[in-house]
């Protein structure tokens, strides 16, 4: 939990954006598969 507390808003946004970009292409396959 300490690692998440050290992250500021900008770092959290960057990590969230990276996760979104990596997961977004997989969503249609998960829904249609």
N, C-alpha and C. Protein backbone atom coordinates (compact mmCIF):
# COMPACT_ATOMS: atom_id res chain seq x y z
N UNK A 1 0.83 -1.20 0.00
CA UNK A 1 0.00 0.00 0.00
C UNK A 1 0.87 1.26 0.00
N UNK A 2 2.07 1.15 0.57
CA UNK A 2 2.93 2.33 0.64
C UNK A 2 3.33 2.82 -0.75
N UNK A 3 3.45 1.89 -1.70
CA UNK A 3 3.85 2.28 -3.05
C UNK A 3 2.74 3.13 -3.69
N UNK A 4 1.48 2.78 -3.43
CA UNK A 4 0.38 3.55 -4.00
C UNK A 4 0.29 4.93 -3.35
N UNK A 5 0.63 5.02 -2.07
CA UNK A 5 0.57 6.31 -1.39
C UNK A 5 1.63 7.25 -1.92
N UNK A 6 2.77 6.71 -2.35
CA UNK A 6 3.85 7.56 -2.86
C UNK A 6 3.51 8.11 -4.25
N UNK A 7 2.63 7.44 -4.97
CA UNK A 7 2.27 7.92 -6.31
C UNK A 7 1.42 9.17 -6.20
N UNK A 8 1.75 10.18 -6.99
CA UNK A 8 0.93 11.39 -7.02
C UNK A 8 -0.12 11.25 -8.12
N UNK A 9 -0.94 12.26 -8.30
CA UNK A 9 -2.03 12.18 -9.27
C UNK A 9 -1.53 11.98 -10.70
N UNK A 10 -0.42 12.64 -11.05
CA UNK A 10 0.08 12.55 -12.43
C UNK A 10 0.57 11.15 -12.73
N UNK A 11 1.29 10.55 -11.79
CA UNK A 11 1.80 9.20 -12.01
C UNK A 11 0.64 8.21 -12.10
N UNK A 12 -0.38 8.40 -11.27
CA UNK A 12 -1.54 7.52 -11.32
C UNK A 12 -2.25 7.65 -12.66
N UNK A 13 -2.32 8.87 -13.19
CA UNK A 13 -2.97 9.08 -14.49
C UNK A 13 -2.18 8.40 -15.60
N UNK A 14 -0.84 8.47 -15.52
CA UNK A 14 -0.01 7.84 -16.55
C UNK A 14 -0.18 6.33 -16.50
N UNK A 15 -0.15 5.76 -15.29
CA UNK A 15 -0.31 4.31 -15.15
C UNK A 15 -1.70 3.89 -15.64
N UNK A 16 -2.72 4.67 -15.29
CA UNK A 16 -4.07 4.37 -15.74
C UNK A 16 -4.19 4.44 -17.25
N UNK A 17 -3.53 5.43 -17.86
CA UNK A 17 -3.56 5.56 -19.32
C UNK A 17 -2.89 4.39 -20.00
N UNK A 18 -1.76 3.95 -19.44
CA UNK A 18 -1.05 2.81 -20.03
C UNK A 18 -1.91 1.55 -19.93
N UNK A 19 -2.54 1.34 -18.78
CA UNK A 19 -3.40 0.17 -18.62
C UNK A 19 -4.58 0.25 -19.59
N UNK A 20 -5.12 1.45 -19.77
CA UNK A 20 -6.25 1.61 -20.68
C UNK A 20 -5.85 1.30 -22.12
N UNK A 21 -4.68 1.76 -22.53
CA UNK A 21 -4.23 1.53 -23.90
C UNK A 21 -3.91 0.07 -24.14
N UNK A 22 -3.45 -0.64 -23.10
CA UNK A 22 -3.11 -2.06 -23.28
C UNK A 22 -4.37 -2.92 -23.21
N UNK A 23 -5.36 -2.52 -22.43
CA UNK A 23 -6.55 -3.35 -22.28
C UNK A 23 -7.61 -3.04 -23.33
N UNK A 24 -7.62 -1.81 -23.86
CA UNK A 24 -8.64 -1.41 -24.82
C UNK A 24 -8.72 -2.34 -26.04
N UNK A 25 -7.60 -2.73 -26.67
CA UNK A 25 -7.70 -3.62 -27.83
C UNK A 25 -8.24 -5.00 -27.48
N UNK A 26 -8.15 -5.40 -26.22
CA UNK A 26 -8.59 -6.74 -25.82
C UNK A 26 -10.08 -6.79 -25.52
N UNK A 27 -10.69 -5.63 -25.28
CA UNK A 27 -12.10 -5.61 -24.89
C UNK A 27 -13.02 -6.18 -25.97
N UNK A 28 -12.90 -5.78 -27.25
CA UNK A 28 -13.79 -6.35 -28.28
C UNK A 28 -13.63 -7.86 -28.40
N UNK A 29 -12.41 -8.36 -28.27
CA UNK A 29 -12.21 -9.81 -28.36
C UNK A 29 -12.88 -10.51 -27.18
N UNK A 30 -12.83 -9.90 -26.01
CA UNK A 30 -13.45 -10.50 -24.83
C UNK A 30 -14.98 -10.49 -24.97
N UNK A 31 -15.53 -9.43 -25.56
CA UNK A 31 -16.98 -9.34 -25.70
C UNK A 31 -17.49 -10.24 -26.82
N UNK A 32 -16.75 -10.29 -27.93
CA UNK A 32 -17.21 -11.06 -29.09
C UNK A 32 -16.77 -12.51 -29.01
N UNK A 33 -15.73 -12.78 -28.24
CA UNK A 33 -15.20 -14.13 -28.16
C UNK A 33 -16.13 -15.04 -27.38
